Amino acid sequence: MPARPTRVKTQNELGKTRTLPDAASGFYRTGQGQEHLFLGLGPQPEQLPALAGHPRKVWFVESDTFWRNMDQTWHESIPHSWTRIPPEKLTFQRLAASTLWIYTPNERLFPSFWGPIMAKVRLALRQYTPTRPENVVLLPWDANALILPELARAFKKVGLRPVPIPEHLTVDQLTDILSRLTPKLFVSLNLAGLDSHGSLYHLLHEAGTRVVAWMVDNPFHVLGKCKSPFWKDIPMGVTDNWFIRPLEALGGKPFHLPLATDPYFFTPSGHQDGQQTLSGVTFAGRTAFPRKQGFFAGASMDQHLLEIACQDMVKGKRRDLSWWIDQLGVTDFWPGHAIRSAGLGAEETSLAWRRTCLEIAAASAHLTIVGDLAWRQHLTHPFTLHPPVDYYGPLATWHARSPITLNMTSMLLPHGLTQRHFDVWAAGGFLLTDTTPGQAIFPRELCAPISFKTPAELESLIQRFTPESRAKQDLRKAWRNEILAHHTYDHRVQKILDIIDK
């Protein structure tokens, strides 16, 4: 039995070794022009003339990195009559008028090089003609996504027509959209609507559409999916400014873009008159984010560190992601998933902190949790459990009717805030929250009276603010004025527009 041929291997853009498919299976042909143009040569250039039908004249483009990776034998196997040309020679007109032979692994191997080229190819084959961008913003949209309705409303106010598109687009779908429409802007929450190699980003960039990402969760948990550094070219809003320095160190373009609220959904008039006011303390939240176990499947949990973190938290020492990164010695934030072990530690610390604070609330007043059934497994004191409610429906009513809404900020965001920091006040409610560096965007005189570092401080605040008082009314009014004056999605959209206009 003949030995199987040795497959050629090369290192990809991120330094990972990959095996290359041969000439017969690695290429596809498109276009019917007289000029033959190879985009990538693959591992066996000597087989390509026969594959193409022995055309008289052939031009080709190849990645410099792949060119350097290949040995002398490979270089000598390139037909002498073939001419290498730089990517700058690939005009829309030339691509549209050529017969193209495309090596399919290109975009996965060296996406930074081939992504822009393939974007131009895809648009050229659709007879794309560059035009002036229209006042349209594309919003990748999931049926259950938050923030997008608020963004759509805010963009519409400034004259940009929001166009929702599927969250999981194919390159063909996006190419079809861009062949009919040239949007001014594409705004992605947590890189929704963008693929891991950056092909969709390069399509948008080539078409003249500005792309902005808004990381409303831990950016490095999101970036773990990226297999190309395309994200470094995208202005990236982060709700937590702690991430700005490490993102900049990797070459990114982060800017601070905190969460906000929309008074259309959260306003004191949003709850129905005559509804009975709740008693005590209300907390709305889940025990864990969706698909948590799968996300952290490859991460390990240091139980000893978790015990230390929980002991320190009770003493008022916040043990968030930054602490876990230091304790575990994590230095590689991207590429890869090394940071997820620190993320798992921070997530488990968050759960322990929420559990501790909810026990205090349940022991101090009547506690109502609006959340999942798993809370029954975590608390020992009696409380009332209500199933989750629609964010855009009854939640504003719950905030407005509760004497106190309780917030504990996720340890996954060292300087983070939550929607409750904005929505509760906008709805006419009253918030008690743990102290975090993220509160620096608010006046100190408003934060101090309603913030706690320890369970004992929380107990004291519950006793103080459960009954209605003039001080409580004044705080509620001052907070609502602050939120509406500086922290709506209208303000955040203006910041995005300022960033892209720089």
Foldseek 3Di string as FASTA:
>chain_A
DDDDDDFDWFAFPVRDIDTWDDPVPFKDKDADALAEEEEACTQQNLCVCVVVVNRPEYEYEDDPRVVVGDDPVSVVSHDPRYHYDYLVPDALVVLNRYIYIYGVCVLVRYVVRCLLVVLSNLLSVLVADADDADLEEEEADDPQDPPVVQLQVLSVVVPRHYDYDHQDDDPNRLSVVLSPHQHQEYEYELCRPAAQSGNSVSNNVNNNHAYAYEDAFQNLLSNQSHPYPPQQVHEYEYQFCVCVVVCVVVNHHYDHQHAAADLVQAAQPQADPPDAFDAFEEEEDELDDPPVCVSCVPADEDVVVLVVQLVVQQVLDHCFLVNLCVVVVDDDSDHHDSSVNSVVSQSVNLSSVVLLLVQLRLVQIAYEYAYDPCVVVRHDRDHHYHHHDRPSHCPSVNLQRYLEYEDEDGSSRQLHDDVCLHRSLNNLHHYAYEDGNVCPVDDPVLNVLRYDRHSVVSSVSSVVRSDDDPVRNVSSVVSNVRRVVAGGVSNSVVVVVVVVVD
